[in-house]
Amino acid sequence: KYPVGDLNKDSMETVFNGPDMKQLRKNMLANKP
């Protein structure tokens, strides 16, 4: 229920560095769930 993007609309690179993926990395580096 929490997709980070849509590859039928955007490129992999766009999704890979989309807002949800960027937030996920920030959380992990800060040891946040």
PDB file of all heavy atoms in Angstrom:
ATOM      1  N   LYS A   1       0.805  -1.215   0.000  1.00  0.00           N
ATOM      2  CA  LYS A   1       0.000   0.000   0.000  1.00  0.00           C
ATOM      3  C   LYS A   1       0.842   1.270   0.000  1.00  0.00           C
ATOM      4  O   LYS A   1       0.301   2.370  -0.027  1.00  0.00           O
ATOM      5  CB  LYS A   1      -0.965   0.019   1.185  1.00  0.00           C
ATOM      6  CG  LYS A   1      -0.313  -0.003   2.561  1.00  0.00           C
ATOM      7  CD  LYS A   1      -1.390  -0.021   3.647  1.00  0.00           C
ATOM      8  CE  LYS A   1      -0.783  -0.122   5.035  1.00  0.00           C
ATOM      9  NZ  LYS A   1      -1.839  -0.157   6.087  1.00  0.00           N
ATOM     10  N   TYR A   2       2.187   1.080  -0.015  1.00  0.00           N
ATOM     11  CA  TYR A   2       3.075   2.245  -0.034  1.00  0.00           C
ATOM     12  C   TYR A   2       4.057   2.193  -1.208  1.00  0.00           C
ATOM     13  O   TYR A   2       5.268   2.075  -1.027  1.00  0.00           O
ATOM     14  CB  TYR A   2       3.861   2.343   1.277  1.00  0.00           C
ATOM     15  CG  TYR A   2       3.010   2.491   2.512  1.00  0.00           C
ATOM     16  CD1 TYR A   2       3.127   1.599   3.571  1.00  0.00           C
ATOM     17  CD2 TYR A   2       2.078   3.521   2.617  1.00  0.00           C
ATOM     18  CE1 TYR A   2       2.347   1.731   4.713  1.00  0.00           C
ATOM     19  CE2 TYR A   2       1.284   3.656   3.748  1.00  0.00           C
ATOM     20  CZ  TYR A   2       1.423   2.751   4.785  1.00  0.00           C
ATOM     21  OH  TYR A   2       0.639   2.886   5.916  1.00  0.00           O
ATOM     22  N   PRO A   3       3.575   2.255  -2.439  1.00  0.00           N
ATOM     23  CA  PRO A   3       4.503   2.277  -3.583  1.00  0.00           C
ATOM     24  C   PRO A   3       5.334   3.545  -3.584  1.00  0.00           C
ATOM     25  O   PRO A   3       4.916   4.578  -3.040  1.00  0.00           O
ATOM     26  CB  PRO A   3       3.567   2.215  -4.796  1.00  0.00           C
ATOM     27  CG  PRO A   3       2.266   2.785  -4.317  1.00  0.00           C
ATOM     28  CD  PRO A   3       2.164   2.368  -2.870  1.00  0.00           C
ATOM     29  N   VAL A   4       6.509   3.471  -4.199  1.00  0.00           N
ATOM     30  CA  VAL A   4       7.391   4.634  -4.278  1.00  0.00           C
ATOM     31  C   VAL A   4       7.388   5.257  -5.664  1.00  0.00           C
ATOM     32  O   VAL A   4       8.128   6.225  -5.911  1.00  0.00           O
ATOM     33  CB  VAL A   4       8.836   4.264  -3.861  1.00  0.00           C
ATOM     34  CG1 VAL A   4       8.893   3.828  -2.403  1.00  0.00           C
ATOM     35  CG2 VAL A   4       9.403   3.161  -4.777  1.00  0.00           C
ATOM     36  N   GLY A   5       6.572   4.724  -6.567  1.00  0.00           N
ATOM     37  CA  GLY A   5       6.497   5.272  -7.915  1.00  0.00           C
ATOM     38  C   GLY A   5       5.767   4.330  -8.846  1.00  0.00           C
ATOM     39  O   GLY A   5       5.252   3.284  -8.426  1.00  0.00           O
ATOM     40  N   ASP A   6       5.740   4.694 -10.129  1.00  0.00           N
ATOM     41  CA  ASP A   6       5.027   3.911 -11.143  1.00  0.00           C
ATOM     42  C   ASP A   6       5.881   3.854 -12.403  1.00  0.00           C
ATOM     43  O   ASP A   6       6.071   4.864 -13.087  1.00  0.00           O
ATOM     44  CB  ASP A   6       3.670   4.559 -11.441  1.00  0.00           C
ATOM     45  CG  ASP A   6       2.796   3.709 -12.347  1.00  0.00           C
ATOM     46  OD1 ASP A   6       3.331   2.802 -13.028  1.00  0.00           O
ATOM     47  OD2 ASP A   6       1.571   3.952 -12.388  1.00  0.00           O
ATOM     48  N   LEU A   7       6.386   2.671 -12.730  1.00  0.00           N
ATOM     49  CA  LEU A   7       7.246   2.505 -13.901  1.00  0.00           C
ATOM     50  C   LEU A   7       6.475   2.492 -15.215  1.00  0.00           C
ATOM     51  O   LEU A   7       7.086   2.475 -16.281  1.00  0.00           O
ATOM     52  CB  LEU A   7       8.076   1.223 -13.774  1.00  0.00           C
ATOM     53  CG  LEU A   7       9.091   1.191 -12.632  1.00  0.00           C
ATOM     54  CD1 LEU A   7       9.936  -0.070 -12.691  1.00  0.00           C
ATOM     55  CD2 LEU A   7       9.984   2.415 -12.657  1.00  0.00           C
ATOM     56  N   ASN A   8       5.166   2.490 -15.136  1.00  0.00           N
ATOM     57  CA  ASN A   8       4.370   2.657 -16.349  1.00  0.00           C
ATOM     58  C   ASN A   8       4.147   4.130 -16.680  1.00  0.00           C
ATOM     59  O   ASN A   8       3.573   4.462 -17.721  1.00  0.00           O
ATOM     60  CB  ASN A   8       3.023   1.946 -16.208  1.00  0.00           C
ATOM     61  CG  ASN A   8       3.154   0.432 -16.325  1.00  0.00           C
ATOM     62  OD1 ASN A   8       4.252  -0.081 -16.553  1.00  0.00           O
ATOM     63  ND2 ASN A   8       2.054  -0.284 -16.179  1.00  0.00           N
ATOM     64  N   LYS A   9       4.614   5.010 -15.804  1.00  0.00           N
ATOM     65  CA  LYS A   9       4.507   6.454 -16.028  1.00  0.00           C
ATOM     66  C   LYS A   9       5.869   7.143 -16.059  1.00  0.00           C
ATOM     67  O   LYS A   9       6.064   8.107 -16.799  1.00  0.00           O
ATOM     68  CB  LYS A   9       3.650   7.086 -14.929  1.00  0.00           C
ATOM     69  CG  LYS A   9       2.203   6.616 -14.909  1.00  0.00           C
ATOM     70  CD  LYS A   9       1.441   7.261 -13.759  1.00  0.00           C
ATOM     71  CE  LYS A   9      -0.013   6.792 -13.748  1.00  0.00           C
ATOM     72  NZ  LYS A   9      -0.768   7.374 -12.603  1.00  0.00           N
ATOM     73  N   ASP A  10       6.800   6.662 -15.230  1.00  0.00           N
ATOM     74  CA  ASP A  10       8.108   7.313 -15.108  1.00  0.00           C
ATOM     75  C   ASP A  10       9.241   6.315 -15.335  1.00  0.00           C
ATOM     76  O   ASP A  10       9.049   5.099 -15.244  1.00  0.00           O
ATOM     77  CB  ASP A  10       8.276   7.944 -13.717  1.00  0.00           C
ATOM     78  CG  ASP A  10       7.266   9.041 -13.452  1.00  0.00           C
ATOM     79  OD1 ASP A  10       7.196   9.979 -14.268  1.00  0.00           O
ATOM     80  OD2 ASP A  10       6.551   8.962 -12.431  1.00  0.00           O
ATOM     81  N   SER A  11      10.435   6.843 -15.596  1.00  0.00           N
ATOM     82  CA  SER A  11      11.615   5.998 -15.768  1.00  0.00           C
ATOM     83  C   SER A  11      12.062   5.442 -14.419  1.00  0.00           C
ATOM     84  O   SER A  11      11.718   5.960 -13.354  1.00  0.00           O
ATOM     85  CB  SER A  11      12.750   6.797 -16.395  1.00  0.00           C
ATOM     86  OG  SER A  11      13.238   7.770 -15.479  1.00  0.00           O
ATOM     87  N   MET A  12      12.886   4.390 -14.467  1.00  0.00           N
ATOM     88  CA  MET A  12      13.450   3.833 -13.248  1.00  0.00           C
ATOM     89  C   MET A  12      14.265   4.876 -12.491  1.00  0.00           C
ATOM     90  O   MET A  12      14.188   4.974 -11.268  1.00  0.00           O
ATOM     91  CB  MET A  12      14.349   2.641 -13.576  1.00  0.00           C
ATOM     92  CG  MET A  12      13.611   1.412 -14.035  1.00  0.00           C
ATOM     93  SD  MET A  12      14.783   0.049 -14.269  1.00  0.00           S
ATOM     94  CE  MET A  12      13.732  -1.146 -15.049  1.00  0.00           C
ATOM     95  N   GLU A  13      15.046   5.650 -13.216  1.00  0.00           N
ATOM     96  CA  GLU A  13      15.900   6.650 -12.572  1.00  0.00           C
ATOM     97  C   GLU A  13      15.054   7.690 -11.833  1.00  0.00           C
ATOM     98  O   GLU A  13      15.397   8.107 -10.727  1.00  0.00           O
ATOM     99  CB  GLU A  13      16.799   7.327 -13.601  1.00  0.00           C
ATOM    100  CG  GLU A  13      17.810   8.296 -12.970  1.00  0.00           C
ATOM    101  CD  GLU A  13      18.863   8.773 -13.929  1.00  0.00           C
ATOM    102  OE1 GLU A  13      18.764   8.458 -15.155  1.00  0.00           O
ATOM    103  OE2 GLU A  13      19.815   9.435 -13.491  1.00  0.00           O
ATOM    104  N   THR A  14      13.944   8.107 -12.448  1.00  0.00           N
ATOM    105  CA  THR A  14      13.061   9.079 -11.801  1.00  0.00           C
ATOM    106  C   THR A  14      12.487   8.510 -10.509  1.00  0.00           C
ATOM    107  O   THR A  14      12.449   9.183  -9.477  1.00  0.00           O
ATOM    108  CB  THR A  14      11.913   9.476 -12.755  1.00  0.00           C
ATOM    109  OG1 THR A  14      12.468  10.088 -13.915  1.00  0.00           O
ATOM    110  CG2 THR A  14      10.959  10.454 -12.087  1.00  0.00           C
ATOM    111  N   VAL A  15      12.041   7.263 -10.537  1.00  0.00           N
ATOM    112  CA  VAL A  15      11.472   6.622  -9.357  1.00  0.00           C
ATOM    113  C   VAL A  15      12.547   6.375  -8.306  1.00  0.00           C
ATOM    114  O   VAL A  15      12.332   6.587  -7.111  1.00  0.00           O
ATOM    115  CB  VAL A  15      10.782   5.297  -9.739  1.00  0.00           C
ATOM    116  CG1 VAL A  15      10.341   4.536  -8.496  1.00  0.00           C
ATOM    117  CG2 VAL A  15       9.590   5.562 -10.651  1.00  0.00           C
ATOM    118  N   PHE A  16      13.718   5.931  -8.753  1.00  0.00           N
ATOM    119  CA  PHE A  16      14.823   5.611  -7.856  1.00  0.00           C
ATOM    120  C   PHE A  16      15.199   6.812  -6.987  1.00  0.00           C
ATOM    121  O   PHE A  16      15.571   6.647  -5.823  1.00  0.00           O
ATOM    122  CB  PHE A  16      16.031   5.145  -8.681  1.00  0.00           C
ATOM    123  CG  PHE A  16      17.186   4.625  -7.880  1.00  0.00           C
ATOM    124  CD1 PHE A  16      17.185   3.329  -7.382  1.00  0.00           C
ATOM    125  CD2 PHE A  16      18.307   5.404  -7.643  1.00  0.00           C
ATOM    126  CE1 PHE A  16      18.263   2.832  -6.655  1.00  0.00           C
ATOM    127  CE2 PHE A  16      19.393   4.920  -6.924  1.00  0.00           C
ATOM    128  CZ  PHE A  16      19.366   3.631  -6.428  1.00  0.00           C
ATOM    129  N   ASN A  17      15.125   7.996  -7.549  1.00  0.00           N
ATOM    130  CA  ASN A  17      15.430   9.199  -6.792  1.00  0.00           C
ATOM    131  C   ASN A  17      14.196  10.099  -6.630  1.00  0.00           C
ATOM    132  O   ASN A  17      14.291  11.329  -6.580  1.00  0.00           O
ATOM    133  CB  ASN A  17      16.585   9.964  -7.437  1.00  0.00           C
ATOM    134  CG  ASN A  17      17.939   9.433  -6.984  1.00  0.00           C
ATOM    135  OD1 ASN A  17      18.160   9.158  -5.812  1.00  0.00           O
ATOM    136  ND2 ASN A  17      18.842   9.254  -7.946  1.00  0.00           N
ATOM    137  N   GLY A  18      13.052   9.445  -6.529  1.00  0.00           N
ATOM    138  CA  GLY A  18      11.829  10.159  -6.228  1.00  0.00           C
ATOM    139  C   GLY A  18      11.752  10.487  -4.748  1.00  0.00           C
ATOM    140  O   GLY A  18      12.560  10.025  -3.937  1.00  0.00           O
ATOM    141  N   PRO A  19      10.770  11.271  -4.325  1.00  0.00           N
ATOM    142  CA  PRO A  19      10.683  11.730  -2.936  1.00  0.00           C
ATOM    143  C   PRO A  19      10.585  10.608  -1.902  1.00  0.00           C
ATOM    144  O   PRO A  19      11.182  10.696  -0.829  1.00  0.00           O
ATOM    145  CB  PRO A  19       9.426  12.612  -2.934  1.00  0.00           C
ATOM    146  CG  PRO A  19       8.672  12.253  -4.188  1.00  0.00           C
ATOM    147  CD  PRO A  19       9.709  11.863  -5.181  1.00  0.00           C
ATOM    148  N   ASP A  20       9.854   9.527  -2.215  1.00  0.00           N
ATOM    149  CA  ASP A  20       9.702   8.437  -1.248  1.00  0.00           C
ATOM    150  C   ASP A  20      10.993   7.660  -1.044  1.00  0.00           C
ATOM    151  O   ASP A  20      11.334   7.274   0.074  1.00  0.00           O
ATOM    152  CB  ASP A  20       8.583   7.496  -1.688  1.00  0.00           C
ATOM    153  CG  ASP A  20       7.206   8.129  -1.572  1.00  0.00           C
ATOM    154  OD1 ASP A  20       6.953   8.814  -0.564  1.00  0.00           O
ATOM    155  OD2 ASP A  20       6.386   7.943  -2.478  1.00  0.00           O
ATOM    156  N   MET A  21      11.710   7.391  -2.133  1.00  0.00           N
ATOM    157  CA  MET A  21      12.979   6.675  -2.018  1.00  0.00           C
ATOM    158  C   MET A  21      14.030   7.519  -1.301  1.00  0.00           C
ATOM    159  O   MET A  21      14.811   7.012  -0.489  1.00  0.00           O
ATOM    160  CB  MET A  21      13.476   6.261  -3.401  1.00  0.00           C
ATOM    161  CG  MET A  21      12.713   5.087  -4.014  1.00  0.00           C
ATOM    162  SD  MET A  21      12.986   3.517  -3.149  1.00  0.00           S
ATOM    163  CE  MET A  21      14.673   3.122  -3.662  1.00  0.00           C
ATOM    164  N   LYS A  22      14.037   8.802  -1.570  1.00  0.00           N
ATOM    165  CA  LYS A  22      15.003   9.686  -0.907  1.00  0.00           C
ATOM    166  C   LYS A  22      14.722   9.748   0.597  1.00  0.00           C
ATOM    167  O   LYS A  22      15.654   9.721   1.412  1.00  0.00           O
ATOM    168  CB  LYS A  22      14.956  11.080  -1.533  1.00  0.00           C
ATOM    169  CG  LYS A  22      15.518  11.114  -2.960  1.00  0.00           C
ATOM    170  CD  LYS A  22      15.783  12.520  -3.467  1.00  0.00           C
ATOM    171  CE  LYS A  22      14.513  13.268  -3.744  1.00  0.00           C
ATOM    172  NZ  LYS A  22      14.778  14.588  -4.416  1.00  0.00           N
ATOM    173  N   GLN A  23      13.455   9.820   0.977  1.00  0.00           N
ATOM    174  CA  GLN A  23      13.102   9.850   2.390  1.00  0.00           C
ATOM    175  C   GLN A  23      13.468   8.536   3.067  1.00  0.00           C
ATOM    176  O   GLN A  23      13.915   8.517   4.220  1.00  0.00           O
ATOM    177  CB  GLN A  23      11.608  10.124   2.556  1.00  0.00           C
ATOM    178  CG  GLN A  23      11.168  10.326   4.010  1.00  0.00           C
ATOM    179  CD  GLN A  23      11.883  11.471   4.683  1.00  0.00           C
ATOM    180  OE1 GLN A  23      11.887  12.603   4.164  1.00  0.00           O
ATOM    181  NE2 GLN A  23      12.488  11.234   5.844  1.00  0.00           N
ATOM    182  N   LEU A  24      13.271   7.438   2.370  1.00  0.00           N
ATOM    183  CA  LEU A  24      13.607   6.117   2.900  1.00  0.00           C
ATOM    184  C   LEU A  24      15.101   6.045   3.237  1.00  0.00           C
ATOM    185  O   LEU A  24      15.479   5.568   4.319  1.00  0.00           O
ATOM    186  CB  LEU A  24      13.233   5.046   1.873  1.00  0.00           C
ATOM    187  CG  LEU A  24      13.291   3.587   2.309  1.00  0.00           C
ATOM    188  CD1 LEU A  24      12.296   3.300   3.414  1.00  0.00           C
ATOM    189  CD2 LEU A  24      12.999   2.670   1.116  1.00  0.00           C
ATOM    190  N   ARG A  25      15.945   6.501   2.345  1.00  0.00           N
ATOM    191  CA  ARG A  25      17.386   6.498   2.595  1.00  0.00           C
ATOM    192  C   ARG A  25      17.750   7.386   3.780  1.00  0.00           C
ATOM    193  O   ARG A  25      18.580   7.017   4.618  1.00  0.00           O
ATOM    194  CB  ARG A  25      18.147   6.943   1.338  1.00  0.00           C
ATOM    195  CG  ARG A  25      17.992   6.012   0.152  1.00  0.00           C
ATOM    196  CD  ARG A  25      18.874   6.428  -1.025  1.00  0.00           C
ATOM    197  NE  ARG A  25      18.481   5.702  -2.227  1.00  0.00           N
ATOM    198  CZ  ARG A  25      17.810   6.224  -3.243  1.00  0.00           C
ATOM    199  NH1 ARG A  25      17.490   7.496  -3.247  1.00  0.00           N
ATOM    200  NH2 ARG A  25      17.468   5.480  -4.278  1.00  0.00           N
ATOM    201  N   LYS A  26      17.139   8.559   3.860  1.00  0.00           N
ATOM    202  CA  LYS A  26      17.412   9.462   4.977  1.00  0.00           C
ATOM    203  C   LYS A  26      17.023   8.797   6.304  1.00  0.00           C
ATOM    204  O   LYS A  26      17.757   8.879   7.283  1.00  0.00           O
ATOM    205  CB  LYS A  26      16.631  10.767   4.798  1.00  0.00           C
ATOM    206  CG  LYS A  26      17.179  11.670   3.699  1.00  0.00           C
ATOM    207  CD  LYS A  26      16.240  12.840   3.409  1.00  0.00           C
ATOM    208  CE  LYS A  26      16.123  13.777   4.601  1.00  0.00           C
ATOM    209  NZ  LYS A  26      15.254  14.927   4.306  1.00  0.00           N
ATOM    210  N   ASN A  27      15.869   8.131   6.328  1.00  0.00           N
ATOM    211  CA  ASN A  27      15.429   7.433   7.537  1.00  0.00           C
ATOM    212  C   ASN A  27      16.419   6.359   7.950  1.00  0.00           C
ATOM    213  O   ASN A  27      16.769   6.230   9.124  1.00  0.00           O
ATOM    214  CB  ASN A  27      14.056   6.790   7.314  1.00  0.00           C
ATOM    215  CG  ASN A  27      12.922   7.790   7.278  1.00  0.00           C
ATOM    216  OD1 ASN A  27      13.104   8.973   7.575  1.00  0.00           O
ATOM    217  ND2 ASN A  27      11.734   7.332   6.898  1.00  0.00           N
ATOM    218  N   MET A  28      16.872   5.588   6.978  1.00  0.00           N
ATOM    219  CA  MET A  28      17.770   4.475   7.291  1.00  0.00           C
ATOM    220  C   MET A  28      19.103   4.962   7.819  1.00  0.00           C
ATOM    221  O   MET A  28      19.672   4.367   8.747  1.00  0.00           O
ATOM    222  CB  MET A  28      17.969   3.609   6.056  1.00  0.00           C
ATOM    223  CG  MET A  28      16.732   2.792   5.700  1.00  0.00           C
ATOM    224  SD  MET A  28      17.014   1.754   4.234  1.00  0.00           S
ATOM    225  CE  MET A  28      15.447   0.843   4.203  1.00  0.00           C
ATOM    226  N   LEU A  29      19.626   6.013   7.264  1.00  0.00           N
ATOM    227  CA  LEU A  29      20.904   6.551   7.726  1.00  0.00           C
ATOM    228  C   LEU A  29      20.785   7.168   9.111  1.00  0.00           C
ATOM    229  O   LEU A  29      21.775   7.289   9.834  1.00  0.00           O
ATOM    230  CB  LEU A  29      21.446   7.580   6.728  1.00  0.00           C
ATOM    231  CG  LEU A  29      21.865   7.014   5.363  1.00  0.00           C
ATOM    232  CD1 LEU A  29      22.312   8.144   4.429  1.00  0.00           C
ATOM    233  CD2 LEU A  29      22.995   5.996   5.516  1.00  0.00           C
ATOM    234  N   ALA A  30      19.561   7.540   9.493  1.00  0.00           N
ATOM    235  CA  ALA A  30      19.326   8.125  10.812  1.00  0.00           C
ATOM    236  C   ALA A  30      18.741   7.107  11.789  1.00  0.00           C
ATOM    237  O   ALA A  30      18.354   7.460  12.903  1.00  0.00           O
ATOM    238  CB  ALA A  30      18.380   9.315  10.677  1.00  0.00           C
ATOM    239  N   ASN A  31      18.688   5.828  11.375  1.00  0.00           N
ATOM    240  CA  ASN A  31      18.117   4.752  12.184  1.00  0.00           C
ATOM    241  C   ASN A  31      16.674   5.045  12.590  1.00  0.00           C
ATOM    242  O   ASN A  31      16.255   4.817  13.728  1.00  0.00           O
ATOM    243  CB  ASN A  31      18.962   4.452  13.425  1.00  0.00           C
ATOM    244  CG  ASN A  31      18.617   3.088  14.050  1.00  0.00           C
ATOM    245  OD1 ASN A  31      18.057   2.210  13.382  1.00  0.00           O
ATOM    246  ND2 ASN A  31      18.961   2.924  15.317  1.00  0.00           N
ATOM    247  N   LYS A  32      15.906   5.549  11.645  1.00  0.00           N
ATOM    248  CA  LYS A  32      14.489   5.798  11.861  1.00  0.00           C
ATOM    249  C   LYS A  32      13.664   4.770  11.072  1.00  0.00           C
ATOM    250  O   LYS A  32      14.038   4.414   9.951  1.00  0.00           O
ATOM    251  CB  LYS A  32      14.105   7.205  11.414  1.00  0.00           C
ATOM    252  CG  LYS A  32      14.718   8.325  12.249  1.00  0.00           C
ATOM    253  CD  LYS A  32      14.289   9.685  11.714  1.00  0.00           C
ATOM    254  CE  LYS A  32      14.879  10.825  12.544  1.00  0.00           C
ATOM    255  NZ  LYS A  32      14.485  12.154  12.001  1.00  0.00           N
ATOM    256  N   PRO A  33      12.559   4.278  11.620  1.00  0.00           N
ATOM    257  CA  PRO A  33      11.731   3.314  10.900  1.00  0.00           C
ATOM    258  C   PRO A  33      11.008   3.953   9.716  1.00  0.00           C
ATOM    259  O   PRO A  33      10.760   5.150   9.696  1.00  0.00           O
ATOM    260  CB  PRO A  33      10.735   2.840  11.962  1.00  0.00           C
ATOM    261  CG  PRO A  33      10.659   3.970  12.944  1.00  0.00           C
ATOM    262  CD  PRO A  33      12.021   4.603  12.966  1.00  0.00           C
TER     263      PRO A  33
END
